[in-house]
Protein backbone atom coordinates (compact mmCIF):
# COMPACT_ATOMS: atom_id res chain seq x y z
CA MET A 1 0.53 -0.09 0.22
CA LYS A 2 1.59 2.92 -0.62
CA PRO A 3 1.17 6.03 1.75
CA ASN A 4 -1.50 8.91 0.96
CA ILE A 5 0.95 12.03 1.23
CA ASP A 6 -0.57 15.58 0.08
CA PRO A 7 2.13 17.39 -1.68
CA LYS A 8 0.16 20.68 -0.15
CA VAL A 9 1.13 20.09 3.23
CA ASP A 10 4.27 22.94 4.08
CA CYS A 11 6.97 20.73 4.89
CA VAL A 12 5.93 18.19 1.80
CA PHE A 13 5.69 20.90 -0.09
CA LYS A 14 9.59 22.56 0.95
CA ALA A 15 10.89 18.38 0.38
CA MET A 16 9.55 18.82 -3.10
CA LEU A 17 10.65 21.83 -4.21
CA GLY A 18 13.36 23.49 -1.92
CA SER A 19 15.61 20.86 -1.41
CA GLU A 20 18.81 20.57 -3.55
CA GLU A 21 18.20 16.58 -4.80
CA HIS A 22 14.78 18.09 -6.34
CA LYS A 23 16.00 21.04 -7.70
CA LEU A 24 15.99 19.45 -10.96
CA LEU A 25 11.96 19.33 -10.09
CA LEU A 26 11.82 23.16 -9.37
CA THR A 27 13.78 24.72 -12.26
CA ASP A 28 11.25 22.12 -14.31
CA PHE A 29 7.95 23.50 -11.83
CA LEU A 30 9.58 27.20 -12.92
CA ASN A 31 9.52 26.75 -16.83
CA ALA A 32 6.30 25.56 -16.50
CA VAL A 33 5.21 28.08 -14.78
CA LEU A 34 7.86 31.40 -16.86
CA ALA A 35 6.35 29.29 -20.14
CA HIS A 36 4.39 32.53 -21.33
CA ASP A 37 7.43 34.92 -20.33
CA PRO A 38 9.05 35.99 -22.31
CA GLY A 39 12.61 35.62 -22.23
CA ILE A 40 12.42 33.19 -19.65
CA ARG A 41 13.92 29.64 -20.10
CA LEU A 42 15.94 28.61 -16.69
CA GLN A 43 19.42 26.00 -17.75
CA SER A 44 20.30 25.79 -13.40
CA ILE A 45 18.59 27.53 -10.06
CA GLU A 46 20.40 28.24 -6.59
CA LEU A 47 18.27 27.80 -3.48
CA LEU A 48 18.11 30.47 -1.24
CA ASN A 49 17.93 30.97 2.77
CA PRO A 50 14.26 30.86 2.83
CA TYR A 51 14.14 33.58 5.89
CA ASN A 52 13.93 37.19 4.68
CA GLU A 53 16.34 38.65 7.80
CA ARG A 54 15.00 42.26 9.82
CA GLU A 55 17.21 45.20 9.12
CA PHE A 56 15.78 46.82 12.31
CA GLU A 57 13.93 45.22 15.54
CA THR A 58 10.92 46.58 14.77
CA ASP A 59 10.50 44.84 11.46
CA LYS A 60 8.63 41.79 10.84
CA LEU A 61 10.09 38.77 10.00
CA SER A 62 8.82 37.05 7.19
CA VAL A 63 10.02 33.25 5.70
CA VAL A 64 8.82 31.90 2.53
CA ASP A 65 8.32 28.66 2.14
CA VAL A 66 11.27 28.14 -1.09
CA LYS A 67 13.51 30.63 -2.44
CA ALA A 68 16.22 30.75 -5.63
CA ARG A 69 18.13 32.88 -7.58
CA ASP A 70 17.96 31.82 -11.57
CA GLU A 71 21.55 32.56 -13.35
CA ALA A 72 20.47 35.43 -14.80
CA GLY A 73 20.32 37.18 -10.70
CA ARG A 74 16.25 36.89 -11.21
CA VAL A 75 14.67 35.57 -7.44
CA TYR A 76 12.47 33.22 -7.38
CA GLN A 77 9.05 33.15 -4.06
CA ILE A 78 7.49 30.20 -4.05
CA GLU A 79 4.60 29.73 -1.38
CA ILE A 80 1.93 26.63 -0.63
CA GLN A 81 -1.83 28.74 1.31
CA LEU A 82 -3.94 26.37 2.05
CA VAL A 83 -6.62 28.93 2.86
CA ALA A 84 -7.53 32.38 0.72
CA HIS A 85 -7.31 34.60 4.58
CA PRO A 86 -8.32 38.16 4.84
CA GLY A 87 -5.19 40.07 4.23
CA LEU A 88 -3.17 37.26 2.16
CA ALA A 89 -2.67 40.23 -1.29
CA GLU A 90 -0.98 42.24 1.04
CA ARG A 91 1.08 39.25 2.76
CA MET A 92 2.05 38.56 -1.20
CA LEU A 93 3.20 41.74 -1.70
CA HIS A 94 4.66 42.57 1.29
CA THR A 95 6.88 39.13 0.81
CA TRP A 96 7.61 40.07 -2.67
CA SER A 97 9.41 43.52 -1.75
CA ALA A 98 11.25 42.43 1.02
CA ILE A 99 13.26 40.11 -0.96
CA TYR A 100 13.02 42.76 -3.34
CA HIS A 101 14.31 45.66 -0.83
CA ARG A 102 17.33 43.41 0.07
CA GLN A 103 18.94 42.90 -2.95
CA ILE A 104 20.72 46.45 -2.64
CA GLN A 105 22.68 47.55 0.23
CA LYS A 106 23.23 51.93 1.21
CA GLY A 107 25.14 53.38 -1.58
CA GLN A 108 24.60 51.07 -4.50
CA ASP A 109 23.02 51.58 -7.37
CA PHE A 110 18.77 51.20 -8.58
CA THR A 111 19.67 49.46 -11.80
CA ALA A 112 21.48 47.23 -9.81
CA LEU A 113 18.27 45.43 -8.69
CA LYS A 114 16.73 42.42 -10.13
CA PRO A 115 13.73 40.78 -10.83
CA VAL A 116 11.61 39.48 -8.30
CA ILE A 117 8.97 36.62 -9.06
CA ALA A 118 6.80 35.41 -6.33
CA ILE A 119 4.23 31.95 -7.23
CA TRP A 120 1.96 31.51 -4.86
CA LEU A 121 0.31 28.07 -5.29
CA LEU A 122 -3.90 28.89 -3.60
CA ASN A 123 -6.01 26.33 -1.98
CA GLU A 124 -8.54 28.23 -2.32
CA PRO A 125 -8.78 30.98 -5.13
CA LEU A 126 -8.55 33.91 -3.80
CA PHE A 127 -10.59 35.30 -7.89
CA GLU A 128 -13.95 33.58 -8.46
CA LEU A 129 -13.24 33.30 -11.77
CA PRO A 130 -14.00 29.48 -13.88
CA GLY A 131 -11.23 28.63 -15.34
CA ALA A 132 -9.11 31.43 -14.33
CA TRP A 133 -6.10 29.24 -12.16
CA HIS A 134 -3.52 31.08 -13.31
CA LEU A 135 -3.32 35.08 -12.86
CA PRO A 136 0.02 36.61 -13.76
CA PHE A 137 -0.09 39.83 -12.56
CA VAL A 138 2.50 42.70 -13.14
CA PRO A 139 2.48 46.97 -12.46
CA TYR A 140 1.04 48.89 -15.62
CA ASN A 141 -0.85 51.84 -16.39
CA LEU A 142 -4.91 51.08 -16.43
CA GLU A 143 -5.05 54.30 -19.35
CA TYR A 144 -2.72 53.46 -21.61
CA GLY A 145 -1.65 49.38 -20.62
CA LEU A 146 2.09 50.46 -20.02
CA VAL A 147 4.49 48.00 -18.01
CA LEU A 148 6.04 49.71 -15.06
CA SER A 149 9.28 47.77 -14.62
CA GLY A 150 9.54 43.69 -15.32
CA ASP A 151 10.64 43.91 -12.09
CA PHE A 152 7.70 42.79 -10.19
CA ARG A 153 5.61 39.27 -11.01
CA ILE A 154 3.25 37.54 -9.34
CA HIS A 155 1.65 34.70 -10.16
CA LEU A 156 -1.38 32.80 -8.79
CA LEU A 157 -2.03 29.53 -9.51
CA GLN A 158 -5.37 28.77 -8.23
CA LEU A 159 -5.49 24.24 -7.61
CA SER A 160 -9.45 24.60 -6.97
CA LEU A 161 -10.36 25.98 -10.38
């Protein structure tokens, strides 16, 4: 009898995508999610410390499920979320911004910043749109559809749709 292991359980998810022995699985997963992003095709990734350390004692510590960097320097944050609780969208922005912010130090040029791509696997949908299981977000101008920056990307994978 095979054990019934749910890949949505945090520790199982982290073992599957956040371990050195499964880096190829993580690379394939990222390539599948980012298949429609122009110019992104990962060859290799480096796993990073999942803790977004605090700069000040009053800062909020955040820990992500999986964090990695590709050969171009882009950083990936991958999260599994079982419940779509109030404030989830704000949490997504907070953890994304913490990773982006910590890339440069005082005196460094802003051009040193690399894209941060967050991927959230949601057991419960954040948006009740039939068939909208993969929702990529970027900041853009509502009137003209201009993308402000390619550095910001958040992908939602709504597993229940």
